[in-house]
Amino acid sequence: MSTRIMSLCWPLQMRPPAKAVLVSLADMANDEGYCWPTIERLCERTCFGRTAVIDAIAWLEARGAVRASRSNGRKTTYWVEPAKFVADANEVAAPAEAVDNPPNQSATRTGTPRGPVRHADPTSPPGGLNQSATRTLIPKNRHEPSVIPPQPPADAGGASERVQKHSKPAKPCAGGDNGFNAFWAVFPRKTEEKAARRQWGRLQPDAALQARIVAAAIAWAATERWQDEGGRYVPKASSWLYGERWCDQLPMPAMAADWWQSLDGIKVMGERLGIVYATSSLGNAWTDDELRAHNRVYRQQVFDAAGPGPWHQLRRAA
């Protein structure tokens, strides 16, 4: 979190959804205002829906408070720039004047912010039915007897027997596994197990999907984001499963400015460029000379994919 960026965002006057999204972006940005959260992450932090978050981002971009880059194709990066925010004077609502009969009393909540607030319907007659009730309201029949007839016995094929046949037993909290225990063992946040089991039951993952979910949970548990501040940013397991967060792209590891000077830095750049470092082509055993030759080829592949730069002047072995 950047305290400097956050302090510049609080005084800005704007609509609540845009303000919530802007503050959330500032909370996840560095001192340069750079961050790359997903839409789902912003929805989770602001408690707004996906459409509201996307509209808020577009609104902030139009007014200069946020600059987005979508050229990557896999993720969107943002630059929070509260100093460039330009408020639209037309959106500042004027003080409402008291009137006895404001127009358009049936305006919905999806109208413009300056539209009138929907009032209660005053046409209901005194002592009559509530006009705002649902259409399924059935007046009480006072001519029928109020005594409930006895139910037929179960052995006579009555309703009680049919209810017993078709009723479903309640699912216990910790009953049944279906691969959930393996997921729960690796997920770092052990809260609301009952809700997580219920969501796992709705997914009904097969063996392949179970393995994918468990592998994603292990990979996310090793990220700095989930380990930061004692796991403060680890979501609930039920929310993680409901949002199918195992499909999210893992955050890229930090990269040094002189990455080309070491093999570890070259590997990080290779991951960003989609070039995975692997020694499987060397077989089960290899010599030091073979490993150096393999590293030299891998380094050249990364340098070529990275484009022109000072790394092309480097000729020593990684």
Protein backbone atom coordinates (compact mmCIF):
# COMPACT_ATOMS: atom_id res chain seq x y z
CA MET A 1 0.00 0.00 0.00
CA SER A 2 1.22 3.50 -0.86
CA THR A 3 0.41 6.01 1.89
CA ARG A 4 1.21 8.90 -0.41
CA ILE A 5 -1.20 7.77 -3.15
CA MET A 6 -3.88 6.94 -0.58
CA SER A 7 -3.69 10.37 1.06
CA LEU A 8 -4.24 12.05 -2.32
CA CYS A 9 -7.33 9.94 -3.04
CA TRP A 10 -9.32 10.61 0.13
CA PRO A 11 -10.11 14.33 -0.50
CA LEU A 12 -11.49 13.70 -4.03
CA GLN A 13 -15.26 14.10 -4.36
CA MET A 14 -17.01 11.52 -6.55
CA ARG A 15 -19.69 8.85 -6.58
CA PRO A 16 -19.43 6.06 -3.95
CA PRO A 17 -18.68 3.20 -6.42
CA ALA A 18 -15.90 5.17 -8.12
CA LYS A 19 -14.47 6.29 -4.76
CA ALA A 20 -14.46 2.72 -3.43
CA VAL A 21 -12.69 1.39 -6.55
CA LEU A 22 -10.16 4.25 -6.50
CA VAL A 23 -9.31 3.70 -2.82
CA SER A 24 -8.98 -0.06 -3.39
CA LEU A 25 -6.59 0.49 -6.30
CA ALA A 26 -4.55 2.94 -4.21
CA ASP A 27 -4.43 0.42 -1.35
CA MET A 28 -2.85 -2.18 -3.66
CA ALA A 29 -0.54 0.21 -5.56
CA ASN A 30 3.10 1.01 -4.97
CA ASP A 31 4.52 4.51 -4.53
CA GLU A 32 4.36 5.04 -8.30
CA GLY A 33 0.65 4.16 -8.32
CA TYR A 34 1.20 0.89 -10.22
CA CYS A 35 -0.96 -2.19 -9.51
CA TRP A 36 -2.61 -5.07 -11.39
CA PRO A 37 -5.67 -6.42 -9.47
CA THR A 38 -8.35 -8.47 -11.18
CA ILE A 39 -11.96 -7.33 -11.50
CA GLU A 40 -12.98 -10.12 -9.15
CA ARG A 41 -10.52 -8.87 -6.53
CA LEU A 42 -11.95 -5.34 -6.77
CA CYS A 43 -15.50 -6.72 -6.45
CA GLU A 44 -14.48 -8.60 -3.33
CA ARG A 45 -12.87 -5.55 -1.73
CA THR A 46 -15.56 -2.97 -2.64
CA CYS A 47 -18.67 -5.21 -2.28
CA PHE A 48 -19.90 -3.96 -5.67
CA GLY A 49 -20.88 -6.13 -8.62
CA ARG A 50 -18.72 -6.71 -11.67
CA THR A 51 -20.69 -4.28 -13.85
CA ALA A 52 -20.50 -1.52 -11.23
CA VAL A 53 -16.72 -1.98 -10.85
CA ILE A 54 -16.14 -1.89 -14.63
CA ASP A 55 -18.29 1.24 -14.96
CA ALA A 56 -16.40 2.87 -12.07
CA ILE A 57 -13.03 2.14 -13.71
CA ALA A 58 -14.25 3.63 -17.00
CA TRP A 59 -15.51 6.69 -15.12
CA LEU A 60 -12.15 7.14 -13.36
CA GLU A 61 -10.26 6.72 -16.65
CA ALA A 62 -12.41 9.36 -18.32
CA ARG A 63 -11.55 11.83 -15.58
CA GLY A 64 -7.82 11.12 -15.42
CA ALA A 65 -7.69 9.58 -11.93
CA VAL A 66 -6.76 6.12 -13.29
CA ARG A 67 -4.77 5.10 -16.33
CA ALA A 68 -5.16 1.49 -17.56
CA SER A 69 -3.05 -0.59 -19.92
CA ARG A 70 -4.75 -3.58 -21.57
CA SER A 71 -2.06 -4.36 -24.13
CA ASN A 72 -0.87 -7.44 -22.24
CA GLY A 73 -3.86 -9.56 -23.27
CA ARG A 74 -3.88 -11.56 -20.05
CA LYS A 75 -4.15 -8.88 -17.38
CA THR A 76 -4.83 -5.17 -17.03
CA THR A 77 -2.37 -2.90 -15.25
CA TYR A 78 -3.40 0.36 -13.63
CA TRP A 79 -1.67 3.59 -12.65
CA VAL A 80 -3.47 5.53 -9.94
CA GLU A 81 -2.97 9.27 -10.59
CA PRO A 82 -5.22 11.23 -8.21
CA ALA A 83 -3.38 14.47 -8.93
CA LYS A 84 -4.72 14.38 -12.53
CA PHE A 85 -8.35 13.95 -11.48
CA VAL A 86 -10.67 16.45 -13.18
CA ALA A 87 -14.16 16.65 -11.68
CA ASP A 88 -17.13 17.26 -13.96
CA ALA A 89 -19.10 20.26 -12.76
CA ASN A 90 -22.28 18.94 -14.39
CA GLU A 91 -22.26 15.92 -12.07
CA VAL A 92 -22.27 17.98 -8.88
CA ALA A 93 -25.83 17.79 -7.65
CA ALA A 94 -27.47 21.09 -6.70
CA PRO A 95 -29.21 21.35 -3.28
CA ALA A 96 -32.72 19.94 -3.51
CA GLU A 97 -35.56 22.41 -3.09
CA ALA A 98 -38.55 21.47 -0.96
CA VAL A 99 -41.66 20.99 -3.09
CA ASP A 100 -45.09 19.70 -2.19
CA ASN A 101 -45.51 17.53 -5.27
CA PRO A 102 -42.16 16.54 -6.85
CA PRO A 103 -42.51 15.06 -10.38
CA ASN A 104 -42.08 11.43 -11.41
CA GLN A 105 -42.94 9.76 -8.12
CA SER A 106 -42.52 6.30 -9.67
CA ALA A 107 -38.89 6.76 -10.69
CA THR A 108 -36.87 3.63 -10.13
CA ARG A 109 -33.58 3.33 -8.31
CA THR A 110 -31.80 2.78 -11.61
CA GLY A 111 -32.41 6.37 -12.69
CA THR A 112 -29.99 9.26 -12.67
CA PRO A 113 -28.46 10.36 -9.34
CA ARG A 114 -30.37 13.66 -9.52
CA GLY A 115 -33.74 12.00 -10.13
CA PRO A 116 -36.49 12.08 -7.49
CA VAL A 117 -36.62 9.44 -4.79
CA ARG A 118 -39.40 6.93 -5.07
CA HIS A 119 -42.18 7.69 -2.56
CA ALA A 120 -44.70 5.36 -0.98
CA ASP A 121 -48.03 4.96 -2.76
CA PRO A 122 -50.56 7.19 -0.89
CA THR A 123 -53.58 5.85 -2.83
CA SER A 124 -54.23 2.87 -0.56
CA PRO A 125 -57.64 3.28 1.11
CA PRO A 126 -57.76 3.39 4.92
CA GLY A 127 -58.08 -0.08 6.36
CA GLY A 128 -57.74 -1.73 2.95
CA LEU A 129 -55.15 -4.17 1.62
CA ASN A 130 -51.60 -2.94 1.23
CA GLN A 131 -51.22 -1.93 -2.45
CA SER A 132 -47.51 -2.68 -2.38
CA ALA A 133 -48.05 -6.31 -1.43
CA THR A 134 -47.29 -9.06 -3.93
CA ARG A 135 -49.87 -10.30 -6.41
CA THR A 136 -49.92 -13.70 -4.72
CA LEU A 137 -51.71 -12.28 -1.68
CA ILE A 138 -54.84 -14.35 -0.98
CA PRO A 139 -57.53 -12.88 1.30
CA LYS A 140 -58.38 -15.02 4.25
CA ASN A 141 -61.50 -17.15 3.71
CA ARG A 142 -63.57 -16.75 6.84
CA HIS A 143 -66.30 -19.15 5.65
CA GLU A 144 -64.14 -22.29 5.83
CA PRO A 145 -63.65 -24.14 9.11
CA SER A 146 -60.36 -23.43 10.85
CA VAL A 147 -60.00 -26.99 12.15
CA ILE A 148 -57.21 -28.89 10.38
CA PRO A 149 -58.37 -32.40 9.38
CA PRO A 150 -56.30 -35.26 10.79
CA GLN A 151 -53.65 -36.82 8.55
CA PRO A 152 -54.15 -40.43 7.43
CA PRO A 153 -51.85 -42.99 9.04
CA ALA A 154 -48.58 -43.83 7.38
CA ASP A 155 -49.53 -47.46 6.72
CA ALA A 156 -52.57 -46.30 4.71
CA GLY A 157 -50.44 -44.63 2.08
CA GLY A 158 -51.23 -41.11 3.26
CA ALA A 159 -49.32 -37.86 2.82
CA SER A 160 -47.01 -38.52 5.77
CA GLU A 161 -45.70 -41.66 4.06
CA ARG A 162 -45.10 -39.78 0.82
CA VAL A 163 -43.19 -37.06 2.67
CA GLN A 164 -41.00 -39.66 4.33
CA LYS A 165 -40.23 -41.26 0.97
CA HIS A 166 -39.24 -38.06 -0.85
CA SER A 167 -37.57 -36.10 1.95
CA LYS A 168 -33.80 -35.72 1.67
CA PRO A 169 -31.62 -36.29 4.72
CA ALA A 170 -29.67 -33.30 5.96
CA LYS A 171 -26.00 -33.25 5.03
CA PRO A 172 -23.62 -33.26 8.00
CA CYS A 173 -20.93 -30.60 8.28
CA ALA A 174 -17.94 -32.91 8.12
CA GLY A 175 -19.57 -35.82 6.36
CA GLY A 176 -18.23 -37.09 3.06
CA ASP A 177 -14.90 -36.29 1.50
CA ASN A 178 -15.00 -36.37 -2.33
CA GLY A 179 -11.50 -34.85 -2.39
CA PHE A 180 -12.33 -31.92 -0.10
CA ASN A 181 -9.98 -33.01 2.69
CA ALA A 182 -6.97 -32.80 0.36
CA PHE A 183 -7.95 -29.25 -0.61
CA TRP A 184 -8.65 -28.21 2.98
CA ALA A 185 -5.26 -29.53 4.12
CA VAL A 186 -3.33 -27.17 1.80
CA PHE A 187 -5.59 -24.09 1.91
CA PRO A 188 -3.98 -21.63 4.36
CA ARG A 189 -7.15 -20.03 5.80
CA LYS A 190 -9.00 -22.52 8.03
CA THR A 191 -12.30 -20.67 8.60
CA GLU A 192 -15.93 -21.51 7.75
CA GLU A 193 -15.26 -25.12 6.82
CA LYS A 194 -18.99 -25.86 6.54
CA ALA A 195 -19.48 -23.20 3.84
CA ALA A 196 -16.39 -24.43 2.00
CA ARG A 197 -17.66 -28.02 2.03
CA ARG A 198 -21.05 -26.87 0.76
CA GLN A 199 -19.44 -24.99 -2.14
CA TRP A 200 -17.19 -27.96 -2.90
CA GLY A 201 -20.30 -30.16 -3.07
CA ARG A 202 -21.91 -27.78 -5.55
CA LEU A 203 -18.85 -27.95 -7.79
CA GLN A 204 -18.65 -31.77 -7.71
CA PRO A 205 -15.13 -31.73 -9.20
CA ASP A 206 -13.78 -34.82 -10.89
CA ALA A 207 -10.32 -36.19 -10.19
CA ALA A 208 -8.62 -33.92 -12.76
CA LEU A 209 -10.29 -30.77 -11.47
CA GLN A 210 -9.55 -31.74 -7.86
CA ALA A 211 -5.85 -32.01 -8.69
CA ARG A 212 -5.93 -28.65 -10.47
CA ILE A 213 -7.66 -26.90 -7.54
CA VAL A 214 -5.23 -28.37 -5.00
CA ALA A 215 -2.20 -27.40 -7.12
CA ALA A 216 -3.53 -23.84 -7.51
CA ALA A 217 -4.11 -23.53 -3.76
CA ILE A 218 -0.53 -24.64 -3.07
CA ALA A 219 0.85 -22.20 -5.64
CA TRP A 220 -1.17 -19.26 -4.28
CA ALA A 221 -0.21 -20.11 -0.70
CA ALA A 222 3.44 -19.65 -1.68
CA THR A 223 2.89 -16.13 -3.12
CA GLU A 224 3.91 -13.00 -1.26
CA ARG A 225 0.34 -11.71 -1.49
CA TRP A 226 -1.09 -14.54 0.61
CA GLN A 227 1.87 -14.56 2.99
CA ASP A 228 1.81 -10.80 3.57
CA GLU A 229 0.79 -9.63 7.06
CA GLY A 230 0.24 -13.14 8.36
CA GLY A 231 -2.19 -14.15 5.61
CA ARG A 232 -4.40 -11.08 5.88
CA TYR A 233 -5.23 -11.10 2.16
CA VAL A 234 -6.06 -14.81 1.92
CA PRO A 235 -9.77 -15.09 0.93
CA LYS A 236 -12.23 -17.49 2.49
CA ALA A 237 -12.14 -20.96 0.97
CA SER A 238 -15.84 -20.82 0.06
CA SER A 239 -15.41 -17.49 -1.76
CA TRP A 240 -12.27 -18.76 -3.49
CA LEU A 241 -14.12 -21.83 -4.75
CA TYR A 242 -17.27 -19.90 -5.71
CA GLY A 243 -15.28 -17.47 -7.85
CA GLU A 244 -13.26 -20.30 -9.47
CA ARG A 245 -10.15 -18.43 -8.41
CA TRP A 246 -7.94 -21.38 -9.28
CA CYS A 247 -8.18 -20.06 -12.86
CA ASP A 248 -6.60 -16.71 -11.88
CA GLN A 249 -3.13 -15.93 -13.12
CA LEU A 250 -0.48 -16.05 -10.42
CA PRO A 251 1.26 -12.74 -9.72
CA MET A 252 4.57 -12.30 -11.49
CA PRO A 253 7.66 -12.50 -9.27
CA ALA A 254 9.65 -9.33 -8.70
CA MET A 255 12.44 -8.71 -11.19
CA ALA A 256 15.68 -6.84 -10.57
CA ALA A 257 16.75 -3.98 -12.81
CA ASP A 258 19.93 -5.85 -13.83
CA TRP A 259 18.16 -9.17 -14.37
CA TRP A 260 20.48 -10.23 -17.18
CA GLN A 261 23.46 -10.39 -14.80
CA SER A 262 22.37 -13.65 -13.10
CA LEU A 263 20.74 -16.91 -14.11
CA ASP A 264 17.95 -16.43 -11.54
CA GLY A 265 17.09 -13.06 -13.05
CA ILE A 266 17.11 -14.55 -16.55
CA LYS A 267 14.73 -17.28 -15.35
CA VAL A 268 12.32 -14.65 -13.98
CA MET A 269 12.36 -12.79 -17.29
CA GLY A 270 11.89 -16.10 -19.10
CA GLU A 271 8.74 -16.80 -17.06
CA ARG A 272 7.37 -13.38 -17.98
CA LEU A 273 8.05 -14.10 -21.66
CA GLY A 274 6.63 -17.62 -21.51
CA ILE A 275 10.02 -19.38 -21.84
CA VAL A 276 10.20 -21.97 -19.08
CA TYR A 277 13.59 -23.12 -17.82
CA ALA A 278 13.78 -26.93 -17.79
CA THR A 279 16.61 -29.45 -17.68
CA SER A 280 14.50 -32.44 -18.77
CA SER A 281 16.17 -32.39 -22.19
CA LEU A 282 19.52 -33.26 -20.54
CA GLY A 283 18.29 -36.67 -19.39
CA ASN A 284 18.70 -38.23 -15.97
CA ALA A 285 22.36 -37.22 -15.60
CA TRP A 286 24.51 -34.54 -17.17
CA THR A 287 27.97 -33.10 -16.88
CA ASP A 288 28.87 -29.56 -15.88
CA ASP A 289 29.80 -28.74 -19.46
CA GLU A 290 26.41 -29.93 -20.71
CA LEU A 291 24.62 -27.84 -18.09
CA ARG A 292 26.64 -24.73 -19.00
CA ALA A 293 25.82 -25.25 -22.68
CA HIS A 294 22.14 -25.69 -21.84
CA ASN A 295 22.14 -22.48 -19.77
CA ARG A 296 23.91 -20.60 -22.57
CA VAL A 297 21.20 -21.63 -25.07
CA TYR A 298 18.41 -20.71 -22.66
CA ARG A 299 19.98 -17.34 -21.90
CA GLN A 300 20.25 -16.55 -25.62
CA GLN A 301 16.57 -17.46 -26.14
CA VAL A 302 15.51 -15.08 -23.38
CA PHE A 303 17.76 -12.28 -24.68
CA ASP A 304 16.34 -12.63 -28.19
CA ALA A 305 12.75 -12.60 -26.92
CA ALA A 306 13.41 -9.56 -24.67
CA GLY A 307 14.41 -7.42 -27.66
CA PRO A 308 17.27 -4.94 -27.90
CA GLY A 309 19.07 -3.99 -24.70
CA PRO A 310 22.33 -4.10 -22.80
CA TRP A 311 21.99 -7.86 -22.29
CA HIS A 312 23.02 -8.42 -25.91
CA GLN A 313 26.45 -7.12 -25.02
CA LEU A 314 26.86 -9.78 -22.36
CA ARG A 315 28.96 -12.72 -23.45
CA ARG A 316 29.78 -14.53 -20.22
CA ALA A 317 28.10 -17.83 -19.32
CA ALA A 318 25.10 -17.72 -16.99
